[in-house]
Amino acid sequence: MIVKNPKFEISAVRPNQYPKNNLPEIVLVGKSNVGKSSFVNTMINRKKLARTSSEPGKTRQLNFYNIDDTFYFVDLPGYGYSKMSKKEQAQVGKFIEDYLFNRKQITLIIFLVDIRHKPSENDRLMYNYIISSKIPFIILANKADKIAVTKVEDTKKALQKELNPIGDIPTFAFSSERKIYKDDVWKFIEQYI
């Protein structure tokens, strides 16, 4: 897919702030610093539309990126970052839950995990949470540039087996550095927009 005019539209924490145009929404979930913003920038071939940060836990709202008035990438706050107070974590958790369970425009969830590490307890909780939402999703094994190209496929399969032993959830390797995985992910996403 060739993206011509992507734009950041709004950061939101309440339904009355969400876009009103009923475009399909592709939602990005994953722990803090797993690379959700870099994923957006790579997919749309821009360097800085989605702001990346070396400090995890910076995203505290739902960020809506309008992709050519065709669909949205929606970047959710990352989980597993402990510098947020318990009160802040509860507030963020509540609006994420409200969004995921009530927003009718969500057509696909992209669940990003770090290909280098076994899924954490928080990853497993999120995986089960996504399954309970009954929204279609894929697993994206991100940061594939951090391991040898020859090991990516086997590592991706091992990660899938760990999270999704029956293998019914599509799992893709991804890297913002090595753009070789981008086209496969676009082909899948296009079915949902």
N, C-alpha and C. Protein backbone atom coordinates (compact mmCIF):
# COMPACT_ATOMS: atom_id res chain seq x y z
N MET A 1 0.85 -1.19 0.00
CA MET A 1 0.00 0.00 0.00
C MET A 1 0.89 1.24 0.00
N ILE A 2 0.55 2.18 -0.83
CA ILE A 2 1.29 3.45 -0.88
C ILE A 2 0.48 4.49 -0.11
N VAL A 3 1.10 5.03 0.92
CA VAL A 3 0.44 6.03 1.76
C VAL A 3 0.89 7.40 1.31
N LYS A 4 -0.09 8.29 1.03
CA LYS A 4 0.25 9.60 0.48
C LYS A 4 0.12 10.73 1.49
N ASN A 5 -0.92 10.68 2.31
CA ASN A 5 -1.17 11.83 3.17
C ASN A 5 -1.61 11.42 4.58
N PRO A 6 -0.69 10.77 5.32
CA PRO A 6 -1.05 10.39 6.69
C PRO A 6 -0.96 11.60 7.61
N LYS A 7 -1.81 11.62 8.62
CA LYS A 7 -1.69 12.73 9.58
C LYS A 7 -2.11 12.28 10.97
N PHE A 8 -1.46 12.88 11.94
CA PHE A 8 -1.87 12.68 13.32
C PHE A 8 -3.16 13.47 13.50
N GLU A 9 -4.21 12.81 14.01
CA GLU A 9 -5.48 13.51 14.12
C GLU A 9 -5.80 13.95 15.55
N ILE A 10 -5.71 13.04 16.52
CA ILE A 10 -6.08 13.44 17.88
C ILE A 10 -5.53 12.44 18.90
N SER A 11 -5.24 12.95 20.09
CA SER A 11 -5.01 12.11 21.27
C SER A 11 -6.28 12.16 22.09
N ALA A 12 -6.77 10.99 22.51
CA ALA A 12 -8.07 10.95 23.17
C ALA A 12 -8.02 10.05 24.39
N VAL A 13 -8.88 10.35 25.36
CA VAL A 13 -9.05 9.47 26.52
C VAL A 13 -10.52 9.16 26.78
N ARG A 14 -11.43 9.82 26.03
CA ARG A 14 -12.86 9.60 26.22
C ARG A 14 -13.55 9.41 24.87
N PRO A 15 -14.64 8.65 24.85
CA PRO A 15 -15.35 8.41 23.59
C PRO A 15 -15.76 9.67 22.85
N ASN A 16 -16.13 10.74 23.58
CA ASN A 16 -16.56 11.95 22.86
C ASN A 16 -15.40 12.65 22.15
N GLN A 17 -14.17 12.19 22.40
CA GLN A 17 -12.99 12.76 21.71
C GLN A 17 -12.59 11.93 20.49
N TYR A 18 -13.12 10.72 20.36
CA TYR A 18 -12.73 9.85 19.25
C TYR A 18 -13.23 10.43 17.93
N PRO A 19 -12.54 10.11 16.81
CA PRO A 19 -13.02 10.56 15.50
C PRO A 19 -14.46 10.08 15.25
N LYS A 20 -15.22 10.89 14.54
CA LYS A 20 -16.65 10.61 14.32
C LYS A 20 -16.95 10.05 12.92
N ASN A 21 -15.93 9.78 12.11
CA ASN A 21 -16.18 9.47 10.70
C ASN A 21 -16.36 7.98 10.38
N ASN A 22 -16.32 7.11 11.38
CA ASN A 22 -16.57 5.67 11.17
C ASN A 22 -15.57 4.94 10.28
N LEU A 23 -14.37 5.49 10.10
CA LEU A 23 -13.34 4.76 9.35
C LEU A 23 -12.89 3.55 10.16
N PRO A 24 -12.44 2.47 9.48
CA PRO A 24 -11.92 1.31 10.22
C PRO A 24 -10.70 1.71 11.06
N GLU A 25 -10.54 1.04 12.20
CA GLU A 25 -9.43 1.33 13.10
C GLU A 25 -8.60 0.08 13.33
N ILE A 26 -7.30 0.21 13.05
CA ILE A 26 -6.32 -0.85 13.30
C ILE A 26 -5.59 -0.46 14.58
N VAL A 27 -5.72 -1.27 15.61
CA VAL A 27 -5.25 -0.90 16.94
C VAL A 27 -3.92 -1.57 17.26
N LEU A 28 -2.99 -0.80 17.82
CA LEU A 28 -1.67 -1.30 18.18
C LEU A 28 -1.57 -1.43 19.69
N VAL A 29 -1.30 -2.64 20.17
CA VAL A 29 -1.12 -2.87 21.61
C VAL A 29 0.21 -3.56 21.85
N GLY A 30 0.77 -3.33 23.00
CA GLY A 30 2.03 -3.97 23.38
C GLY A 30 2.62 -3.24 24.56
N LYS A 31 3.66 -3.84 25.14
CA LYS A 31 4.25 -3.21 26.31
C LYS A 31 4.99 -1.94 25.92
N SER A 32 5.27 -1.11 26.91
CA SER A 32 6.01 0.12 26.67
C SER A 32 7.33 -0.20 26.00
N ASN A 33 7.69 0.61 25.02
CA ASN A 33 8.98 0.49 24.33
C ASN A 33 9.10 -0.72 23.41
N VAL A 34 7.97 -1.32 23.01
CA VAL A 34 8.04 -2.46 22.09
C VAL A 34 8.13 -2.00 20.63
N GLY A 35 7.88 -0.70 20.40
CA GLY A 35 8.06 -0.16 19.05
C GLY A 35 6.78 0.13 18.29
N LYS A 36 5.71 0.50 18.98
CA LYS A 36 4.44 0.78 18.29
C LYS A 36 4.55 2.02 17.39
N SER A 37 5.16 3.09 17.92
CA SER A 37 5.31 4.31 17.12
C SER A 37 6.23 4.09 15.94
N SER A 38 7.32 3.34 16.14
CA SER A 38 8.23 3.04 15.03
C SER A 38 7.52 2.19 13.97
N PHE A 39 6.65 1.30 14.41
CA PHE A 39 5.85 0.50 13.47
C PHE A 39 5.01 1.41 12.57
N VAL A 40 4.31 2.36 13.18
CA VAL A 40 3.48 3.29 12.40
C VAL A 40 4.35 4.03 11.39
N ASN A 41 5.45 4.60 11.85
CA ASN A 41 6.33 5.38 10.96
C ASN A 41 6.86 4.52 9.81
N THR A 42 7.22 3.28 10.09
CA THR A 42 7.74 2.39 9.05
C THR A 42 6.66 2.06 8.03
N MET A 43 5.47 1.73 8.51
CA MET A 43 4.39 1.33 7.60
C MET A 43 3.98 2.47 6.67
N ILE A 44 4.02 3.70 7.15
CA ILE A 44 3.59 4.83 6.32
C ILE A 44 4.76 5.55 5.65
N ASN A 45 5.97 5.00 5.87
CA ASN A 45 7.17 5.54 5.23
C ASN A 45 7.45 7.00 5.62
N ARG A 46 7.29 7.28 6.90
CA ARG A 46 7.60 8.60 7.45
C ARG A 46 8.55 8.40 8.62
N LYS A 47 9.35 9.42 8.91
CA LYS A 47 10.30 9.28 10.00
C LYS A 47 9.71 9.66 11.36
N LYS A 48 8.86 10.70 11.38
CA LYS A 48 8.49 11.25 12.68
C LYS A 48 7.02 11.56 12.86
N LEU A 49 6.12 10.95 12.08
CA LEU A 49 4.70 11.26 12.30
C LEU A 49 4.29 10.78 13.69
N ALA A 50 4.58 9.53 13.98
CA ALA A 50 4.32 9.01 15.33
C ALA A 50 5.58 9.28 16.15
N ARG A 51 5.42 9.98 17.25
CA ARG A 51 6.59 10.34 18.05
C ARG A 51 7.10 9.14 18.82
N THR A 52 8.38 8.86 18.63
CA THR A 52 9.01 7.77 19.38
C THR A 52 9.76 8.39 20.55
N SER A 53 9.98 7.58 21.56
CA SER A 53 10.67 8.09 22.75
C SER A 53 11.57 7.00 23.29
N SER A 54 12.72 7.42 23.78
CA SER A 54 13.61 6.44 24.43
C SER A 54 13.13 6.17 25.85
N GLU A 55 12.22 7.00 26.33
CA GLU A 55 11.69 6.82 27.68
C GLU A 55 10.36 6.08 27.61
N PRO A 56 10.30 4.84 28.10
CA PRO A 56 9.05 4.10 28.02
C PRO A 56 7.94 4.73 28.85
N GLY A 57 6.70 4.47 28.43
CA GLY A 57 5.56 4.93 29.20
C GLY A 57 5.12 6.35 28.89
N LYS A 58 5.63 6.95 27.79
CA LYS A 58 5.28 8.32 27.46
C LYS A 58 3.84 8.44 26.93
N THR A 59 3.37 7.43 26.20
CA THR A 59 2.03 7.51 25.64
C THR A 59 1.02 7.25 26.75
N ARG A 60 0.16 8.24 26.99
CA ARG A 60 -0.84 8.11 28.06
C ARG A 60 -2.26 8.24 27.50
N GLN A 61 -2.38 8.44 26.18
CA GLN A 61 -3.69 8.56 25.54
C GLN A 61 -3.75 7.60 24.36
N LEU A 62 -4.94 7.52 23.74
CA LEU A 62 -5.07 6.81 22.47
C LEU A 62 -4.70 7.81 21.38
N ASN A 63 -3.71 7.48 20.56
CA ASN A 63 -3.30 8.37 19.48
C ASN A 63 -3.85 7.85 18.16
N PHE A 64 -4.64 8.69 17.50
CA PHE A 64 -5.29 8.33 16.24
C PHE A 64 -4.51 8.93 15.07
N TYR A 65 -4.01 8.06 14.18
CA TYR A 65 -3.30 8.48 12.98
C TYR A 65 -4.18 8.18 11.78
N ASN A 66 -4.60 9.24 11.09
CA ASN A 66 -5.48 9.11 9.94
C ASN A 66 -4.62 8.78 8.71
N ILE A 67 -4.87 7.62 8.12
CA ILE A 67 -4.08 7.18 6.98
C ILE A 67 -4.89 7.39 5.70
N ASP A 68 -4.63 8.50 5.04
CA ASP A 68 -5.25 8.85 3.75
C ASP A 68 -6.78 8.83 3.78
N ASP A 69 -7.37 9.18 4.91
CA ASP A 69 -8.83 9.14 5.06
C ASP A 69 -9.42 7.78 4.68
N THR A 70 -8.62 6.72 4.87
CA THR A 70 -9.06 5.36 4.56
C THR A 70 -9.26 4.55 5.84
N PHE A 71 -8.34 4.73 6.80
CA PHE A 71 -8.43 4.03 8.08
C PHE A 71 -7.55 4.76 9.09
N TYR A 72 -7.61 4.30 10.34
CA TYR A 72 -6.73 4.83 11.39
C TYR A 72 -5.82 3.73 11.90
N PHE A 73 -4.57 4.11 12.19
CA PHE A 73 -3.77 3.36 13.14
C PHE A 73 -4.05 4.01 14.49
N VAL A 74 -4.38 3.22 15.50
CA VAL A 74 -4.63 3.75 16.83
C VAL A 74 -3.61 3.15 17.78
N ASP A 75 -2.73 4.01 18.30
CA ASP A 75 -1.64 3.59 19.18
C ASP A 75 -2.12 3.70 20.63
N LEU A 76 -2.23 2.56 21.31
CA LEU A 76 -2.65 2.55 22.70
C LEU A 76 -1.44 2.70 23.62
N PRO A 77 -1.65 3.23 24.83
CA PRO A 77 -0.54 3.32 25.79
C PRO A 77 0.03 1.93 26.06
N GLY A 78 1.34 1.86 26.21
CA GLY A 78 1.99 0.59 26.51
C GLY A 78 1.74 0.17 27.95
N TYR A 79 1.87 -1.12 28.18
CA TYR A 79 1.67 -1.62 29.54
C TYR A 79 3.01 -2.08 30.11
N GLY A 80 3.01 -2.35 31.42
CA GLY A 80 4.20 -2.91 32.06
C GLY A 80 5.25 -1.89 32.45
N TYR A 81 4.88 -0.61 32.43
CA TYR A 81 5.86 0.40 32.81
C TYR A 81 5.53 0.91 34.20
N SER A 82 6.44 0.73 35.13
CA SER A 82 6.12 0.91 36.54
C SER A 82 6.20 2.35 37.05
N LYS A 83 6.72 3.31 36.28
CA LYS A 83 6.84 4.67 36.81
C LYS A 83 5.50 5.39 36.89
N MET A 84 4.48 4.83 36.20
CA MET A 84 3.15 5.40 36.34
C MET A 84 2.62 5.04 37.72
N SER A 85 1.94 5.97 38.37
CA SER A 85 1.36 5.65 39.68
C SER A 85 0.24 4.62 39.50
N LYS A 86 -0.12 3.96 40.59
CA LYS A 86 -1.22 2.97 40.53
C LYS A 86 -2.50 3.63 40.04
N LYS A 87 -2.74 4.87 40.49
CA LYS A 87 -3.95 5.59 40.08
C LYS A 87 -3.93 5.85 38.57
N GLU A 88 -2.76 6.31 38.07
CA GLU A 88 -2.64 6.55 36.62
C GLU A 88 -2.83 5.25 35.85
N GLN A 89 -2.21 4.17 36.32
CA GLN A 89 -2.35 2.88 35.64
C GLN A 89 -3.81 2.45 35.58
N ALA A 90 -4.53 2.66 36.68
CA ALA A 90 -5.96 2.28 36.71
C ALA A 90 -6.76 3.13 35.73
N GLN A 91 -6.47 4.44 35.66
CA GLN A 91 -7.20 5.32 34.74
C GLN A 91 -6.93 4.93 33.29
N VAL A 92 -5.65 4.70 32.97
CA VAL A 92 -5.28 4.32 31.61
C VAL A 92 -5.90 2.96 31.26
N GLY A 93 -5.83 2.01 32.19
CA GLY A 93 -6.42 0.69 31.97
C GLY A 93 -7.91 0.78 31.69
N LYS A 94 -8.59 1.67 32.41
CA LYS A 94 -10.05 1.81 32.25
C LYS A 94 -10.39 2.34 30.86
N PHE A 95 -9.71 3.40 30.40
CA PHE A 95 -10.12 3.92 29.09
C PHE A 95 -9.69 3.01 27.95
N ILE A 96 -8.61 2.24 28.14
CA ILE A 96 -8.25 1.24 27.12
C ILE A 96 -9.33 0.16 27.05
N GLU A 97 -9.74 -0.32 28.21
CA GLU A 97 -10.78 -1.36 28.26
C GLU A 97 -12.07 -0.86 27.63
N ASP A 98 -12.49 0.36 27.99
CA ASP A 98 -13.71 0.93 27.41
C ASP A 98 -13.60 1.01 25.89
N TYR A 99 -12.44 1.46 25.42
CA TYR A 99 -12.23 1.59 23.97
C TYR A 99 -12.30 0.21 23.29
N LEU A 100 -11.54 -0.75 23.79
CA LEU A 100 -11.47 -2.06 23.13
C LEU A 100 -12.80 -2.80 23.13
N PHE A 101 -13.57 -2.64 24.18
CA PHE A 101 -14.81 -3.41 24.27
C PHE A 101 -16.04 -2.68 23.72
N ASN A 102 -15.92 -1.39 23.45
CA ASN A 102 -17.10 -0.65 23.00
C ASN A 102 -16.97 0.01 21.64
N ARG A 103 -15.77 0.11 21.12
CA ARG A 103 -15.57 0.83 19.86
C ARG A 103 -15.87 -0.09 18.68
N LYS A 104 -16.91 0.24 17.94
CA LYS A 104 -17.36 -0.63 16.84
C LYS A 104 -16.45 -0.54 15.59
N GLN A 105 -15.66 0.53 15.48
CA GLN A 105 -14.83 0.73 14.30
C GLN A 105 -13.57 -0.13 14.29
N ILE A 106 -13.24 -0.78 15.40
CA ILE A 106 -12.02 -1.59 15.45
C ILE A 106 -12.21 -2.82 14.55
N THR A 107 -11.32 -2.96 13.58
CA THR A 107 -11.42 -4.12 12.67
C THR A 107 -10.29 -5.12 12.88
N LEU A 108 -9.17 -4.66 13.47
CA LEU A 108 -8.02 -5.54 13.66
C LEU A 108 -7.16 -4.99 14.80
N ILE A 109 -6.63 -5.90 15.61
CA ILE A 109 -5.66 -5.53 16.64
C ILE A 109 -4.30 -6.11 16.24
N ILE A 110 -3.28 -5.28 16.31
CA ILE A 110 -1.91 -5.74 16.09
C ILE A 110 -1.23 -5.77 17.45
N PHE A 111 -0.90 -6.98 17.88
CA PHE A 111 -0.31 -7.20 19.20
C PHE A 111 1.20 -7.33 19.02
N LEU A 112 1.95 -6.30 19.42
CA LEU A 112 3.39 -6.28 19.25
C LEU A 112 4.09 -6.88 20.46
N VAL A 113 5.01 -7.80 20.20
CA VAL A 113 5.87 -8.37 21.25
C VAL A 113 7.31 -8.31 20.75
N ASP A 114 8.25 -8.32 21.66
CA ASP A 114 9.67 -8.25 21.32
C ASP A 114 10.15 -9.66 20.96
N ILE A 115 10.62 -9.82 19.74
CA ILE A 115 11.04 -11.14 19.24
C ILE A 115 12.18 -11.73 20.07
N ARG A 116 12.93 -10.89 20.78
CA ARG A 116 14.12 -11.36 21.51
C ARG A 116 13.80 -12.01 22.85
N HIS A 117 12.58 -11.79 23.34
CA HIS A 117 12.27 -12.24 24.70
C HIS A 117 11.05 -13.14 24.73
N LYS A 118 11.06 -14.07 25.69
CA LYS A 118 9.85 -14.87 25.92
C LYS A 118 8.74 -13.92 26.36
N PRO A 119 7.49 -14.21 26.01
CA PRO A 119 6.40 -13.34 26.44
C PRO A 119 6.36 -13.21 27.97
N SER A 120 6.17 -11.99 28.43
CA SER A 120 6.09 -11.73 29.87
C SER A 120 4.69 -12.08 30.38
N GLU A 121 4.54 -12.03 31.68
CA GLU A 121 3.21 -12.27 32.27
C GLU A 121 2.22 -11.23 31.75
N ASN A 122 2.67 -9.97 31.62
CA ASN A 122 1.80 -8.92 31.07
C ASN A 122 1.42 -9.21 29.62
N ASP A 123 2.38 -9.74 28.83
CA ASP A 123 2.07 -10.12 27.45
C ASP A 123 0.98 -11.19 27.42
N ARG A 124 1.10 -12.16 28.30
CA ARG A 124 0.11 -13.24 28.34
C ARG A 124 -1.27 -12.72 28.75
N LEU A 125 -1.27 -11.81 29.72
CA LEU A 125 -2.55 -11.20 30.13
C LEU A 125 -3.18 -10.45 28.96
N MET A 126 -2.35 -9.68 28.24
CA MET A 126 -2.88 -8.92 27.11
C MET A 126 -3.38 -9.86 26.01
N TYR A 127 -2.64 -10.94 25.75
CA TYR A 127 -3.06 -11.93 24.76
C TYR A 127 -4.45 -12.47 25.11
N ASN A 128 -4.65 -12.86 26.35
CA ASN A 128 -5.95 -13.39 26.78
C ASN A 128 -7.04 -12.33 26.72
N TYR A 129 -6.66 -11.11 27.04
CA TYR A 129 -7.60 -9.99 27.00
C TYR A 129 -8.07 -9.75 25.57
N ILE A 130 -7.12 -9.79 24.63
CA ILE A 130 -7.48 -9.59 23.22
C ILE A 130 -8.40 -10.71 22.74
N ILE A 131 -8.08 -11.93 23.11
CA ILE A 131 -8.94 -13.06 22.72
C ILE A 131 -10.36 -12.84 23.25
N SER A 132 -10.47 -12.36 24.50
CA SER A 132 -11.81 -12.16 25.08
C SER A 132 -12.57 -11.03 24.39
N SER A 133 -11.86 -10.13 23.70
CA SER A 133 -12.53 -9.03 22.99
C SER A 133 -13.22 -9.53 21.72
N LYS A 134 -12.81 -10.70 21.24
CA LYS A 134 -13.36 -11.32 20.01
C LYS A 134 -13.10 -10.49 18.74
N ILE A 135 -12.10 -9.63 18.80
CA ILE A 135 -11.70 -8.83 17.63
C ILE A 135 -10.57 -9.57 16.93
N PRO A 136 -10.58 -9.66 15.59
CA PRO A 136 -9.46 -10.31 14.90
C PRO A 136 -8.13 -9.64 15.26
N PHE A 137 -7.07 -10.46 15.36
CA PHE A 137 -5.76 -9.87 15.67
C PHE A 137 -4.63 -10.69 15.08
N ILE A 138 -3.47 -10.04 15.04
CA ILE A 138 -2.24 -10.71 14.64
C ILE A 138 -1.20 -10.45 15.72
N ILE A 139 -0.20 -11.32 15.75
CA ILE A 139 0.95 -11.14 16.63
C ILE A 139 2.09 -10.62 15.75
N LEU A 140 2.70 -9.54 16.17
CA LEU A 140 3.83 -8.98 15.43
C LEU A 140 5.08 -9.13 16.28
N ALA A 141 5.99 -9.99 15.84
CA ALA A 141 7.26 -10.22 16.55
C ALA A 141 8.23 -9.13 16.11
N ASN A 142 8.25 -8.04 16.87
CA ASN A 142 8.98 -6.84 16.48
C ASN A 142 10.46 -6.91 16.88
N LYS A 143 11.22 -5.98 16.32
CA LYS A 143 12.66 -5.83 16.58
C LYS A 143 13.46 -7.00 16.01
N ALA A 144 13.00 -7.51 14.86
CA ALA A 144 13.68 -8.63 14.22
C ALA A 144 15.09 -8.27 13.76
N ASP A 145 15.40 -6.97 13.66
CA ASP A 145 16.76 -6.56 13.28
C ASP A 145 17.76 -6.83 14.40
N LYS A 146 17.28 -7.11 15.60
CA LYS A 146 18.17 -7.34 16.74
C LYS A 146 18.70 -8.76 16.80
N ILE A 147 18.20 -9.63 15.90
CA ILE A 147 18.73 -10.99 15.83
C ILE A 147 19.16 -11.28 14.39
N ALA A 148 19.96 -12.31 14.19
CA ALA A 148 20.45 -12.64 12.86
C ALA A 148 19.28 -12.98 11.93
N VAL A 149 19.36 -12.54 10.69
CA VAL A 149 18.31 -12.80 9.70
C VAL A 149 18.00 -14.29 9.61
N THR A 150 19.04 -15.12 9.71
CA THR A 150 18.86 -16.57 9.59
C THR A 150 18.08 -17.17 10.76
N LYS A 151 17.98 -16.43 11.87
CA LYS A 151 17.28 -16.95 13.05
C LYS A 151 15.87 -16.41 13.21
N VAL A 152 15.49 -15.44 12.36
CA VAL A 152 14.20 -14.77 12.54
C VAL A 152 13.03 -15.74 12.45
N GLU A 153 12.99 -16.55 11.41
CA GLU A 153 11.84 -17.44 11.20
C GLU A 153 11.67 -18.43 12.36
N ASP A 154 12.75 -19.06 12.78
CA ASP A 154 12.66 -20.03 13.88
C ASP A 154 12.28 -19.34 15.19
N THR A 155 12.83 -18.15 15.43
CA THR A 155 12.52 -17.42 16.66
C THR A 155 11.06 -16.98 16.66
N LYS A 156 10.57 -16.54 15.50
CA LYS A 156 9.16 -16.15 15.38
C LYS A 156 8.25 -17.35 15.67
N LYS A 157 8.59 -18.51 15.12
CA LYS A 157 7.78 -19.72 15.35
C LYS A 157 7.79 -20.12 16.82
N ALA A 158 8.95 -20.01 17.46
CA ALA A 158 9.05 -20.35 18.89
C ALA A 158 8.19 -19.40 19.72
N LEU A 159 8.21 -18.12 19.38
CA LEU A 159 7.42 -17.15 20.10
C LEU A 159 5.92 -17.42 19.89
N GLN A 160 5.55 -17.75 18.66
CA GLN A 160 4.14 -18.08 18.39
C GLN A 160 3.70 -19.30 19.20
N LYS A 161 4.57 -20.31 19.23
CA LYS A 161 4.24 -21.54 19.98
C LYS A 161 4.05 -21.24 21.47
N GLU A 162 4.84 -20.32 21.96
CA GLU A 162 4.77 -19.92 23.37
C GLU A 162 3.44 -19.23 23.69
N LEU A 163 3.03 -18.29 22.81
CA LEU A 163 1.82 -17.51 23.06
C LEU A 163 0.57 -18.21 22.53
N ASN A 164 0.70 -18.81 21.36
CA ASN A 164 -0.46 -19.34 20.63
C ASN A 164 -0.15 -20.76 20.15
N PRO A 165 -0.12 -21.73 21.08
CA PRO A 165 0.32 -23.08 20.76
C PRO A 165 -0.45 -23.75 19.62
N ILE A 166 -1.74 -23.43 19.48
CA ILE A 166 -2.48 -24.10 18.39
C ILE A 166 -2.22 -23.44 17.03
N GLY A 167 -1.55 -22.30 17.03
CA GLY A 167 -1.10 -21.70 15.78
C GLY A 167 -2.19 -21.11 14.90
N ASP A 168 -3.31 -20.69 15.51
CA ASP A 168 -4.40 -20.17 14.69
C ASP A 168 -4.37 -18.64 14.55
N ILE A 169 -3.42 -17.98 15.21
CA ILE A 169 -3.30 -16.52 15.09
C ILE A 169 -2.12 -16.20 14.18
N PRO A 170 -2.36 -15.47 13.08
CA PRO A 170 -1.25 -15.12 12.18
C PRO A 170 -0.15 -14.38 12.95
N THR A 171 1.09 -14.78 12.71
CA THR A 171 2.23 -14.17 13.39
C THR A 171 3.25 -13.74 12.34
N PHE A 172 3.68 -12.49 12.45
CA PHE A 172 4.62 -11.92 11.49
C PHE A 172 5.86 -11.41 12.21
N ALA A 173 7.02 -11.57 11.58
CA ALA A 173 8.22 -10.87 12.05
C ALA A 173 8.14 -9.44 11.53
N PHE A 174 8.78 -8.51 12.26
CA PHE A 174 8.78 -7.12 11.81
C PHE A 174 10.03 -6.42 12.33
N SER A 175 10.46 -5.44 11.57
CA SER A 175 11.58 -4.60 11.98
C SER A 175 11.45 -3.24 11.32
N SER A 176 11.65 -2.19 12.09
CA SER A 176 11.67 -0.85 11.52
C SER A 176 12.97 -0.56 10.80
N GLU A 177 14.01 -1.35 11.11
CA GLU A 177 15.31 -1.18 10.45
C GLU A 177 15.35 -1.94 9.13
N ARG A 178 14.98 -3.22 9.18
CA ARG A 178 14.91 -4.04 7.97
C ARG A 178 13.48 -4.00 7.47
N LYS A 179 13.28 -3.32 6.38
CA LYS A 179 11.90 -3.11 5.91
C LYS A 179 11.36 -4.30 5.10
N ILE A 180 12.10 -5.42 5.11
CA ILE A 180 11.72 -6.57 4.27
C ILE A 180 10.41 -7.22 4.71
N TYR A 181 9.95 -6.95 5.91
CA TYR A 181 8.74 -7.61 6.42
C TYR A 181 7.47 -6.80 6.17
N LYS A 182 7.66 -5.56 5.76
CA LYS A 182 6.56 -4.60 5.68
C LYS A 182 5.45 -5.03 4.72
N ASP A 183 5.81 -5.51 3.54
CA ASP A 183 4.79 -5.84 2.53
C ASP A 183 3.86 -6.95 2.99
N ASP A 184 4.40 -7.96 3.67
CA ASP A 184 3.54 -9.05 4.17
C ASP A 184 2.52 -8.52 5.17
N VAL A 185 2.95 -7.61 6.02
CA VAL A 185 2.04 -7.05 7.02
C VAL A 185 0.98 -6.20 6.34
N TRP A 186 1.38 -5.39 5.35
CA TRP A 186 0.39 -4.58 4.61
C TRP A 186 -0.65 -5.47 3.94
N LYS A 187 -0.19 -6.55 3.31
CA LYS A 187 -1.15 -7.45 2.62
C LYS A 187 -2.21 -7.94 3.59
N PHE A 188 -1.80 -8.26 4.81
CA PHE A 188 -2.75 -8.73 5.80
C PHE A 188 -3.68 -7.60 6.25
N ILE A 189 -3.12 -6.45 6.56
CA ILE A 189 -3.91 -5.31 7.04
C ILE A 189 -4.97 -4.90 6.01
N GLU A 190 -4.60 -4.95 4.74
CA GLU A 190 -5.52 -4.47 3.70
C GLU A 190 -6.84 -5.23 3.68
N GLN A 191 -6.86 -6.44 4.21
CA GLN A 191 -8.13 -7.19 4.29
C GLN A 191 -9.10 -6.56 5.28
N TYR A 192 -8.58 -5.70 6.16
CA TYR A 192 -9.40 -5.15 7.24
C TYR A 192 -9.70 -3.65 7.10
N ILE A 193 -9.34 -3.09 5.96
CA ILE A 193 -9.61 -1.63 5.78
C ILE A 193 -10.51 -1.39 4.58
